[in-house]
Amino acid sequence: MGHTPGALLITPEADIVPIDLPANSDERLTVMRSVIRCARVDVVALTSQMDMWLDDEGIYNHPVNKLASLLAVRFGFTHQPYHGPVLLTGGADSDGETVPLTKDKIVALLTSITDLL
């Protein structure tokens, strides 16, 4: 059986990259900062089961991520474009810890993203 990544990275160039996130929250944050290319992350809860992580200062540091912005609009976030690479994860558990995307959620996301292109 194949491995399911815990997150999907969407670059401003519309590349979609599977990302494995460490279970340890400090290590996970380090990986998130690295792939998003930022010092401070911010999160947009697209749904109760899916978060979009991005550079807190992305508007100053990165170009608009058209695909991420279109995806956010699909979930009702119509007030602004989003900048730079974004990382999609599952929502948070009862302790506030980020959970990975499920295989079903990844398939649904990839289908949704394909519809946006």
C-alpha atoms as a PDB file:
ATOM      1  CA  MET A   1       0.000   0.000   0.000  1.00  0.00           C
ATOM      2  CA  GLY A   2       1.291   3.498  -0.888  1.00  0.00           C
ATOM      3  CA  HIS A   3       2.280   6.229   1.517  1.00  0.00           C
ATOM      4  CA  THR A   4      -0.087   9.194   2.023  1.00  0.00           C
ATOM      5  CA  PRO A   5       1.621  12.561   2.617  1.00  0.00           C
ATOM      6  CA  GLY A   6       0.283  14.689   5.466  1.00  0.00           C
ATOM      7  CA  ALA A   7       0.144  17.975   3.578  1.00  0.00           C
ATOM      8  CA  LEU A   8       0.115  19.556   0.130  1.00  0.00           C
ATOM      9  CA  LEU A   9       2.231  22.559  -0.840  1.00  0.00           C
ATOM     10  CA  ILE A  10       0.846  24.873  -3.532  1.00  0.00           C
ATOM     11  CA  THR A  11       3.453  27.216  -4.987  1.00  0.00           C
ATOM     12  CA  PRO A  12       2.728  30.548  -6.685  1.00  0.00           C
ATOM     13  CA  GLU A  13       3.695  28.786  -9.935  1.00  0.00           C
ATOM     14  CA  ALA A  14       0.799  26.322  -9.349  1.00  0.00           C
ATOM     15  CA  ASP A  15       3.050  23.379  -8.546  1.00  0.00           C
ATOM     16  CA  ILE A  16       1.485  20.913  -6.104  1.00  0.00           C
ATOM     17  CA  VAL A  17       4.002  19.107  -3.910  1.00  0.00           C
ATOM     18  CA  PRO A  18       3.220  16.409  -1.316  1.00  0.00           C
ATOM     19  CA  ILE A  19       4.902  17.156   2.028  1.00  0.00           C
ATOM     20  CA  ASP A  20       5.475  14.859   4.991  1.00  0.00           C
ATOM     21  CA  LEU A  21       5.170  16.691   8.300  1.00  0.00           C
ATOM     22  CA  PRO A  22       6.908  15.490  11.475  1.00  0.00           C
ATOM     23  CA  ALA A  23       4.705  14.390  14.371  1.00  0.00           C
ATOM     24  CA  ASN A  24       6.644  16.616  16.808  1.00  0.00           C
ATOM     25  CA  SER A  25       5.058  20.105  16.791  1.00  0.00           C
ATOM     26  CA  ASP A  26       8.386  22.002  16.981  1.00  0.00           C
ATOM     27  CA  GLU A  27       9.854  19.986  14.116  1.00  0.00           C
ATOM     28  CA  ARG A  28       6.603  20.347  12.166  1.00  0.00           C
ATOM     29  CA  LEU A  29       6.732  24.137  12.503  1.00  0.00           C
ATOM     30  CA  THR A  30      10.349  24.135  11.294  1.00  0.00           C
ATOM     31  CA  VAL A  31       9.372  22.151   8.189  1.00  0.00           C
ATOM     32  CA  MET A  32       6.362  24.413   7.588  1.00  0.00           C
ATOM     33  CA  ARG A  33       8.505  27.561   7.749  1.00  0.00           C
ATOM     34  CA  SER A  34      11.023  25.992   5.413  1.00  0.00           C
ATOM     35  CA  VAL A  35       8.583  24.935   2.696  1.00  0.00           C
ATOM     36  CA  ILE A  36       6.552  28.150   2.957  1.00  0.00           C
ATOM     37  CA  ARG A  37       9.841  30.128   2.987  1.00  0.00           C
ATOM     38  CA  CYS A  38       9.058  32.395   5.899  1.00  0.00           C
ATOM     39  CA  ALA A  39       9.938  33.295   9.480  1.00  0.00           C
ATOM     40  CA  ARG A  40       6.359  33.464  10.797  1.00  0.00           C
ATOM     41  CA  VAL A  41       3.403  31.405   9.640  1.00  0.00           C
ATOM     42  CA  ASP A  42      -0.262  32.250   9.763  1.00  0.00           C
ATOM     43  CA  VAL A  43      -3.201  29.925   9.263  1.00  0.00           C
ATOM     44  CA  VAL A  44      -6.567  30.237   7.531  1.00  0.00           C
ATOM     45  CA  ALA A  45      -9.062  27.571   8.604  1.00  0.00           C
ATOM     46  CA  LEU A  46     -10.727  26.830   5.265  1.00  0.00           C
ATOM     47  CA  THR A  47     -12.961  24.264   6.990  1.00  0.00           C
ATOM     48  CA  SER A  48     -12.971  22.537  10.364  1.00  0.00           C
ATOM     49  CA  GLN A  49     -10.934  19.763   8.734  1.00  0.00           C
ATOM     50  CA  MET A  50      -8.564  21.734   6.500  1.00  0.00           C
ATOM     51  CA  ASP A  51      -6.131  24.556   7.194  1.00  0.00           C
ATOM     52  CA  MET A  52      -4.129  26.682   4.776  1.00  0.00           C
ATOM     53  CA  TRP A  53      -0.767  27.820   6.203  1.00  0.00           C
ATOM     54  CA  LEU A  54       1.041  30.808   4.702  1.00  0.00           C
ATOM     55  CA  ASP A  55       3.698  33.446   5.293  1.00  0.00           C
ATOM     56  CA  ASP A  56       2.398  35.988   7.822  1.00  0.00           C
ATOM     57  CA  GLU A  57       4.165  38.695   5.789  1.00  0.00           C
ATOM     58  CA  GLY A  58       3.546  37.092   2.403  1.00  0.00           C
ATOM     59  CA  ILE A  59       2.057  40.220   0.863  1.00  0.00           C
ATOM     60  CA  TYR A  60       5.493  41.843   1.244  1.00  0.00           C
ATOM     61  CA  ASN A  61       7.649  38.813   0.442  1.00  0.00           C
ATOM     62  CA  HIS A  62       5.933  36.775  -2.282  1.00  0.00           C
ATOM     63  CA  PRO A  63       3.835  37.096  -5.435  1.00  0.00           C
ATOM     64  CA  VAL A  64       0.130  36.309  -5.433  1.00  0.00           C
ATOM     65  CA  ASN A  65      -0.622  32.600  -5.356  1.00  0.00           C
ATOM     66  CA  LYS A  66      -3.528  32.528  -7.815  1.00  0.00           C
ATOM     67  CA  LEU A  67      -4.343  28.871  -7.286  1.00  0.00           C
ATOM     68  CA  ALA A  68      -4.393  29.163  -3.482  1.00  0.00           C
ATOM     69  CA  SER A  69      -6.511  32.316  -3.774  1.00  0.00           C
ATOM     70  CA  LEU A  70      -9.015  30.523  -6.036  1.00  0.00           C
ATOM     71  CA  LEU A  71      -9.125  27.586  -3.634  1.00  0.00           C
ATOM     72  CA  ALA A  72      -9.797  29.958  -0.724  1.00  0.00           C
ATOM     73  CA  VAL A  73     -12.636  31.589  -2.702  1.00  0.00           C
ATOM     74  CA  ARG A  74     -14.167  28.138  -3.172  1.00  0.00           C
ATOM     75  CA  PHE A  75     -14.400  27.919   0.630  1.00  0.00           C
ATOM     76  CA  GLY A  76     -15.885  31.418   0.991  1.00  0.00           C
ATOM     77  CA  PHE A  77     -12.735  33.492   1.583  1.00  0.00           C
ATOM     78  CA  THR A  78     -13.315  36.221  -0.978  1.00  0.00           C
ATOM     79  CA  HIS A  79     -11.836  39.278   0.741  1.00  0.00           C
ATOM     80  CA  GLN A  80      -8.179  39.031  -0.333  1.00  0.00           C
ATOM     81  CA  PRO A  81      -5.660  37.270  -2.539  1.00  0.00           C
ATOM     82  CA  TYR A  82      -3.100  35.045  -0.823  1.00  0.00           C
ATOM     83  CA  HIS A  83       0.629  35.384  -1.453  1.00  0.00           C
ATOM     84  CA  GLY A  84       3.494  32.916  -1.646  1.00  0.00           C
ATOM     85  CA  PRO A  85       3.577  29.187  -1.132  1.00  0.00           C
ATOM     86  CA  VAL A  86       0.773  27.766   0.989  1.00  0.00           C
ATOM     87  CA  LEU A  87       0.621  24.483   2.839  1.00  0.00           C
ATOM     88  CA  LEU A  88      -2.673  22.610   3.165  1.00  0.00           C
ATOM     89  CA  THR A  89      -3.074  20.377   6.223  1.00  0.00           C
ATOM     90  CA  GLY A  90      -5.908  18.779   8.121  1.00  0.00           C
ATOM     91  CA  GLY A  91      -7.513  20.903  10.812  1.00  0.00           C
ATOM     92  CA  ALA A  92      -6.565  20.774  14.476  1.00  0.00           C
ATOM     93  CA  ASP A  93      -7.233  18.048  17.008  1.00  0.00           C
ATOM     94  CA  SER A  94      -8.803  18.661  20.441  1.00  0.00           C
ATOM     95  CA  ASP A  95      -5.400  19.793  21.771  1.00  0.00           C
ATOM     96  CA  GLY A  96      -4.947  22.304  18.953  1.00  0.00           C
ATOM     97  CA  GLU A  97      -2.289  20.203  17.208  1.00  0.00           C
ATOM     98  CA  THR A  98      -2.252  20.140  13.408  1.00  0.00           C
ATOM     99  CA  VAL A  99      -3.424  16.855  11.950  1.00  0.00           C
ATOM    100  CA  PRO A 100      -2.449  15.457   8.547  1.00  0.00           C
ATOM    101  CA  LEU A 101      -4.746  15.430   5.562  1.00  0.00           C
ATOM    102  CA  THR A 102      -6.476  12.107   5.051  1.00  0.00           C
ATOM    103  CA  LYS A 103      -6.106  10.227   1.780  1.00  0.00           C
ATOM    104  CA  ASP A 104      -9.754  11.008   0.951  1.00  0.00           C
ATOM    105  CA  LYS A 105      -9.214  14.716   1.630  1.00  0.00           C
ATOM    106  CA  ILE A 106      -6.103  14.767  -0.586  1.00  0.00           C
ATOM    107  CA  VAL A 107      -8.021  13.133  -3.441  1.00  0.00           C
ATOM    108  CA  ALA A 108     -10.893  15.620  -3.004  1.00  0.00           C
ATOM    109  CA  LEU A 109      -8.440  18.542  -2.894  1.00  0.00           C
ATOM    110  CA  LEU A 110      -6.617  17.433  -6.022  1.00  0.00           C
ATOM    111  CA  THR A 111      -9.956  17.063  -7.828  1.00  0.00           C
ATOM    112  CA  SER A 112     -11.046  20.502  -6.639  1.00  0.00           C
ATOM    113  CA  ILE A 113      -7.741  22.068  -7.688  1.00  0.00           C
ATOM    114  CA  THR A 114      -7.942  20.418 -11.112  1.00  0.00           C
ATOM    115  CA  ASP A 115     -11.390  22.002 -11.559  1.00  0.00           C
ATOM    116  CA  LEU A 116      -9.867  25.419 -10.828  1.00  0.00           C
ATOM    117  CA  LEU A 117      -7.178  25.149 -13.513  1.00  0.00           C
END
